[in-house]
Amino acid sequence: MEQKLSSAAKTFTPSPIQELSHLAQRSNAINLAEGFPDFPAPSHLKHAAMSAINSDFNQYRHVQGICDHLANIMKEMHGLDFDPRTDMAICCGQTEAFAAAVFAIIDQGDEVVLFDPSYETYEGCIRMAGGIPVYVALEPPHWTLDPERFINSFTARTKAVILNSPHNPTGKVFTKDELETIAGACRRRDCIAITDEVYEHITYDNIKHISLASLPGMQERTIITSSLSKTFSVTGQSCHPTPTRLTYPQN
């Protein structure tokens, strides 16, 4: 079977997160490799799930009602107007939404700017789509973004920028100035931004998460991905409503 794999798939290595988790399990050690919430899922969520199961609510369904609800949430949280009929997609978690976004916009040879360190799934999706990951290192200890280094990472082949804020694995929340730098580069270079906002509700020290799409000129060139898994402590569940948006401007 291995000889039938694509050239991109042959470059993949085992997930470090999975390997560390297996090692922790075998050693009976505390597992810091995965983001396991240490609080129970809300009671109303569990009761709703049990009610759906007991009611045999298990057939294909239209998700328009969920999309309507998500559009209202995005309006309340970020002041963004989305059309739930055309601007929302419900996926099986953020990872699927991210992969769908990458496969939808990346062609062979397109470059995609990532921040280092980054969540391991991003690179694999980009390479499978035929894209080329371009890493921009964040500066420890506060994982700040060097604007000059970021701007210099762009070339004529840059198609997209990946932004994960609040950030995995550092916990960093990108500042308004850093977001302005990213947004400015996307506008000038006519690039798409794909954001991973899974940790949007999990911030500390009164730091507020700002969605990149809320900055001027960015809603029409941003795909937002998120999920319920971390916020509601349901990382073992497979289906999460994930808002996704892209209305790319025509030149």
Protein backbone atom coordinates (compact mmCIF):
# COMPACT_ATOMS: atom_id res chain seq x y z
CA MET A 1 0.00 0.00 0.00
CA GLU A 2 2.84 2.44 0.76
CA GLN A 3 3.92 2.59 -2.88
CA LYS A 4 0.43 3.83 -3.76
CA LEU A 5 0.70 6.88 -1.51
CA SER A 6 0.98 10.34 -2.99
CA SER A 7 4.35 12.07 -2.94
CA ALA A 8 3.01 14.47 -0.30
CA ALA A 9 1.72 11.68 1.93
CA LYS A 10 5.08 9.89 1.77
CA THR A 11 6.73 12.88 3.46
CA PHE A 12 4.51 12.65 6.54
CA THR A 13 5.90 11.45 9.85
CA PRO A 14 3.98 10.15 12.89
CA SER A 15 2.25 12.81 14.95
CA PRO A 16 4.53 13.94 17.82
CA ILE A 17 1.44 14.71 19.89
CA GLN A 18 0.11 11.18 19.40
CA GLU A 19 3.51 9.60 20.10
CA LEU A 20 3.91 11.56 23.34
CA SER A 21 0.38 10.68 24.40
CA HIS A 22 1.04 6.98 23.83
CA LEU A 23 4.30 7.26 25.77
CA ALA A 24 2.55 9.00 28.66
CA GLN A 25 -0.10 6.26 28.70
CA ARG A 26 2.48 3.47 28.73
CA SER A 27 4.48 5.19 31.46
CA ASN A 28 1.49 6.22 33.54
CA ALA A 29 2.79 9.80 33.30
CA ILE A 30 0.97 13.12 33.28
CA ASN A 31 0.17 13.91 29.65
CA LEU A 32 1.00 17.47 28.65
CA ALA A 33 1.02 16.69 24.93
CA GLU A 34 -2.69 17.22 24.28
CA GLY A 35 -5.11 19.94 25.31
CA PHE A 36 -7.43 17.94 27.53
CA PRO A 37 -9.90 20.27 29.31
CA ASP A 38 -9.98 19.48 33.03
CA PHE A 39 -13.61 20.47 33.56
CA PRO A 40 -16.84 18.62 32.70
CA ALA A 41 -18.98 19.50 29.72
CA PRO A 42 -21.96 21.75 30.61
CA SER A 43 -25.00 19.85 31.84
CA HIS A 44 -27.35 21.35 29.25
CA LEU A 45 -25.05 20.19 26.45
CA LYS A 46 -24.92 16.63 27.79
CA HIS A 47 -28.69 16.53 28.34
CA ALA A 48 -29.30 17.78 24.80
CA ALA A 49 -27.03 15.07 23.40
CA MET A 50 -28.76 12.34 25.44
CA SER A 51 -32.17 13.63 24.41
CA ALA A 52 -31.20 13.52 20.73
CA ILE A 53 -29.94 9.94 21.08
CA ASN A 54 -33.02 8.77 23.00
CA SER A 55 -35.29 10.46 20.45
CA ASP A 56 -33.55 8.68 17.55
CA PHE A 57 -32.48 12.06 16.17
CA ASN A 58 -29.90 10.36 13.98
CA GLN A 59 -30.71 11.11 10.35
CA TYR A 60 -29.23 13.52 7.81
CA ARG A 61 -30.37 17.03 8.54
CA HIS A 62 -30.17 20.52 7.17
CA VAL A 63 -28.02 22.80 9.33
CA GLN A 64 -29.53 26.15 8.40
CA GLY A 65 -30.74 26.79 11.92
CA ILE A 66 -27.24 26.32 13.32
CA CYS A 67 -25.82 28.63 10.65
CA ASP A 68 -28.38 31.30 11.58
CA HIS A 69 -27.33 30.99 15.21
CA LEU A 70 -23.64 31.22 14.34
CA ALA A 71 -24.23 34.33 12.27
CA ASN A 72 -25.88 35.97 15.29
CA ILE A 73 -22.95 34.98 17.51
CA MET A 74 -20.40 36.47 15.08
CA LYS A 75 -22.42 39.70 14.99
CA GLU A 76 -22.50 39.91 18.79
CA MET A 77 -18.86 38.95 19.35
CA HIS A 78 -17.09 40.74 16.51
CA GLY A 79 -19.61 43.05 14.87
CA LEU A 80 -19.39 41.04 11.64
CA ASP A 81 -22.31 40.52 9.27
CA PHE A 82 -22.43 37.05 7.73
CA ASP A 83 -25.04 35.59 5.43
CA PRO A 84 -25.82 32.20 7.04
CA ARG A 85 -26.97 30.83 3.67
CA THR A 86 -23.64 31.42 1.89
CA ASP A 87 -20.96 32.29 4.46
CA MET A 88 -21.16 29.37 6.91
CA ALA A 89 -20.15 25.71 6.74
CA ILE A 90 -20.62 23.08 9.46
CA CYS A 91 -17.68 20.64 9.67
CA CYS A 92 -16.52 17.78 11.88
CA GLY A 93 -14.27 19.96 14.01
CA GLN A 94 -11.77 22.71 13.26
CA THR A 95 -9.24 20.35 11.69
CA GLU A 96 -11.68 19.37 8.95
CA ALA A 97 -12.69 23.01 8.43
CA PHE A 98 -9.04 24.03 8.13
CA ALA A 99 -8.30 21.25 5.65
CA ALA A 100 -11.37 22.15 3.59
CA ALA A 101 -10.27 25.80 3.51
CA VAL A 102 -6.74 24.94 2.41
CA PHE A 103 -7.89 22.50 -0.27
CA ALA A 104 -10.34 25.11 -1.55
CA ILE A 105 -7.79 27.88 -2.13
CA ILE A 106 -4.27 26.42 -2.44
CA ASP A 107 -2.90 25.37 -5.82
CA GLN A 108 0.37 23.57 -6.62
CA GLY A 109 3.30 25.79 -5.73
CA ASP A 110 1.37 28.38 -3.74
CA GLU A 111 3.22 29.58 -0.63
CA VAL A 112 1.49 29.78 2.74
CA VAL A 113 2.94 31.82 5.61
CA LEU A 114 2.86 30.13 9.05
CA PHE A 115 4.05 31.24 12.46
CA ASP A 116 6.61 29.06 14.22
CA PRO A 117 5.86 27.26 16.51
CA SER A 118 2.57 26.11 15.03
CA TYR A 119 0.00 23.36 15.41
CA GLU A 120 1.25 20.30 13.52
CA THR A 121 -1.84 19.76 11.36
CA TYR A 122 -1.34 22.94 9.36
CA GLU A 123 1.76 21.88 7.46
CA GLY A 124 0.36 18.49 6.46
CA CYS A 125 -2.79 20.03 4.99
CA ILE A 126 -0.79 22.61 3.07
CA ARG A 127 1.58 20.01 1.60
CA MET A 128 -1.26 17.67 0.62
CA ALA A 129 -2.87 20.56 -1.25
CA GLY A 130 0.41 21.12 -3.12
CA GLY A 131 1.33 24.25 -1.22
CA ILE A 132 4.65 25.28 0.29
CA PRO A 133 4.79 26.20 4.00
CA VAL A 134 6.88 29.29 4.79
CA TYR A 135 7.65 29.68 8.50
CA VAL A 136 8.07 32.97 10.34
CA ALA A 137 9.52 32.50 13.83
CA LEU A 138 7.87 34.24 16.77
CA GLU A 139 10.27 35.84 19.26
CA PRO A 140 10.42 34.25 22.75
CA PRO A 141 9.82 34.72 25.62
CA HIS A 142 6.60 36.56 24.75
CA TRP A 143 6.36 35.14 21.23
CA THR A 144 6.16 38.55 19.59
CA LEU A 145 5.88 39.05 15.86
CA ASP A 146 8.77 40.81 14.12
CA PRO A 147 7.00 42.91 11.44
CA GLU A 148 10.04 43.11 9.16
CA ARG A 149 10.65 39.36 9.27
CA PHE A 150 6.97 38.75 8.55
CA ILE A 151 6.81 41.15 5.60
CA ASN A 152 10.03 39.74 4.14
CA SER A 153 8.50 36.23 4.10
CA PHE A 154 6.13 37.23 1.30
CA THR A 155 6.93 36.51 -2.32
CA ALA A 156 5.04 36.67 -5.60
CA ARG A 157 3.80 33.13 -4.87
CA THR A 158 2.33 33.84 -1.41
CA LYS A 159 -1.36 32.91 -1.44
CA ALA A 160 -2.36 32.78 2.22
CA VAL A 161 -1.42 33.47 5.84
CA ILE A 162 -2.37 31.13 8.70
CA LEU A 163 -3.13 32.82 12.04
CA ASN A 164 -3.82 30.85 15.23
CA SER A 165 -4.80 33.23 18.03
CA PRO A 166 -5.03 32.50 20.92
CA HIS A 167 -2.02 30.49 19.90
CA ASN A 168 -1.28 26.79 20.24
CA PRO A 169 1.15 25.84 21.77
CA THR A 170 2.31 29.10 23.45
CA GLY A 171 -1.01 30.56 24.62
CA LYS A 172 -0.08 33.90 23.06
CA VAL A 173 -2.88 36.26 22.04
CA PHE A 174 -1.78 38.39 19.10
CA THR A 175 -1.92 42.11 19.89
CA LYS A 176 -3.90 44.69 17.96
CA ASP A 177 -0.66 46.06 16.48
CA GLU A 178 0.42 42.58 15.35
CA LEU A 179 -2.99 41.96 13.81
CA GLU A 180 -2.75 45.29 11.97
CA THR A 181 0.62 44.19 10.56
CA ILE A 182 -0.85 40.91 9.34
CA ALA A 183 -3.98 42.57 7.95
CA GLY A 184 -1.95 45.25 6.18
CA ALA A 185 0.23 42.65 4.47
CA CYS A 186 -2.82 40.64 3.36
CA ARG A 187 -4.46 43.74 1.90
CA ARG A 188 -1.35 44.95 0.09
CA ARG A 189 -0.48 41.50 -1.26
CA ASP A 190 -4.06 40.52 -2.00
CA CYS A 191 -3.69 37.41 0.20
CA ILE A 192 -6.21 35.26 2.02
CA ALA A 193 -6.05 34.72 5.79
CA ILE A 194 -7.16 31.47 7.40
CA THR A 195 -7.65 31.83 11.14
CA ASP A 196 -7.84 29.15 13.82
CA GLU A 197 -9.84 30.63 16.70
CA VAL A 198 -10.52 27.46 18.69
CA TYR A 199 -9.26 29.12 21.90
CA GLU A 200 -11.20 32.37 21.38
CA HIS A 201 -12.90 32.11 24.79
CA ILE A 202 -9.84 30.89 26.71
CA THR A 203 -7.66 33.91 27.51
CA TYR A 204 -6.04 35.18 30.70
CA ASP A 205 -5.00 38.43 32.42
CA ASN A 206 -8.01 40.27 30.96
CA ILE A 207 -6.57 39.96 27.45
CA LYS A 208 -9.30 40.09 24.81
CA HIS A 209 -9.25 38.01 21.66
CA ILE A 210 -9.72 40.02 18.47
CA SER A 211 -10.70 38.25 15.28
CA LEU A 212 -8.55 39.24 12.31
CA ALA A 213 -11.71 39.39 10.20
CA SER A 214 -12.97 42.35 12.27
CA LEU A 215 -10.18 44.62 11.01
CA PRO A 216 -10.90 46.94 8.06
CA GLY A 217 -10.84 45.20 4.71
CA MET A 218 -10.36 41.73 6.21
CA GLN A 219 -13.80 40.16 6.46
CA GLU A 220 -13.92 39.65 2.68
CA ARG A 221 -10.51 37.94 2.62
CA THR A 222 -10.64 35.86 5.82
CA ILE A 223 -11.74 32.28 6.45
CA ILE A 224 -12.52 31.80 10.15
CA THR A 225 -12.38 28.31 11.67
CA SER A 226 -13.30 27.38 15.23
CA SER A 227 -15.05 24.64 17.22
CA LEU A 228 -16.81 23.70 20.44
CA SER A 229 -14.21 21.20 21.61
CA LYS A 230 -12.06 23.26 23.98
CA THR A 231 -14.65 25.80 25.14
CA PHE A 232 -17.22 23.16 26.09
CA SER A 233 -14.85 20.34 27.07
CA VAL A 234 -16.06 17.98 24.35
CA THR A 235 -12.77 17.07 22.67
CA GLY A 236 -13.98 13.47 22.31
CA GLN A 237 -16.98 14.48 20.21
CA SER A 238 -16.64 14.48 16.43
CA CYS A 239 -19.07 17.12 15.20
CA HIS A 240 -18.65 20.80 15.99
CA PRO A 241 -20.28 23.79 14.32
CA THR A 242 -17.46 25.60 12.57
CA PRO A 243 -18.05 29.01 10.97
CA THR A 244 -16.12 29.46 7.75
CA ARG A 245 -16.09 32.52 5.54
CA LEU A 246 -14.57 33.59 2.27
CA THR A 247 -15.85 36.15 -0.18
CA TYR A 248 -12.69 36.89 -2.10
CA PRO A 249 -12.61 40.34 -3.74
CA GLN A 250 -12.57 40.44 -7.52
CA ASN A 251 -9.94 42.65 -9.13
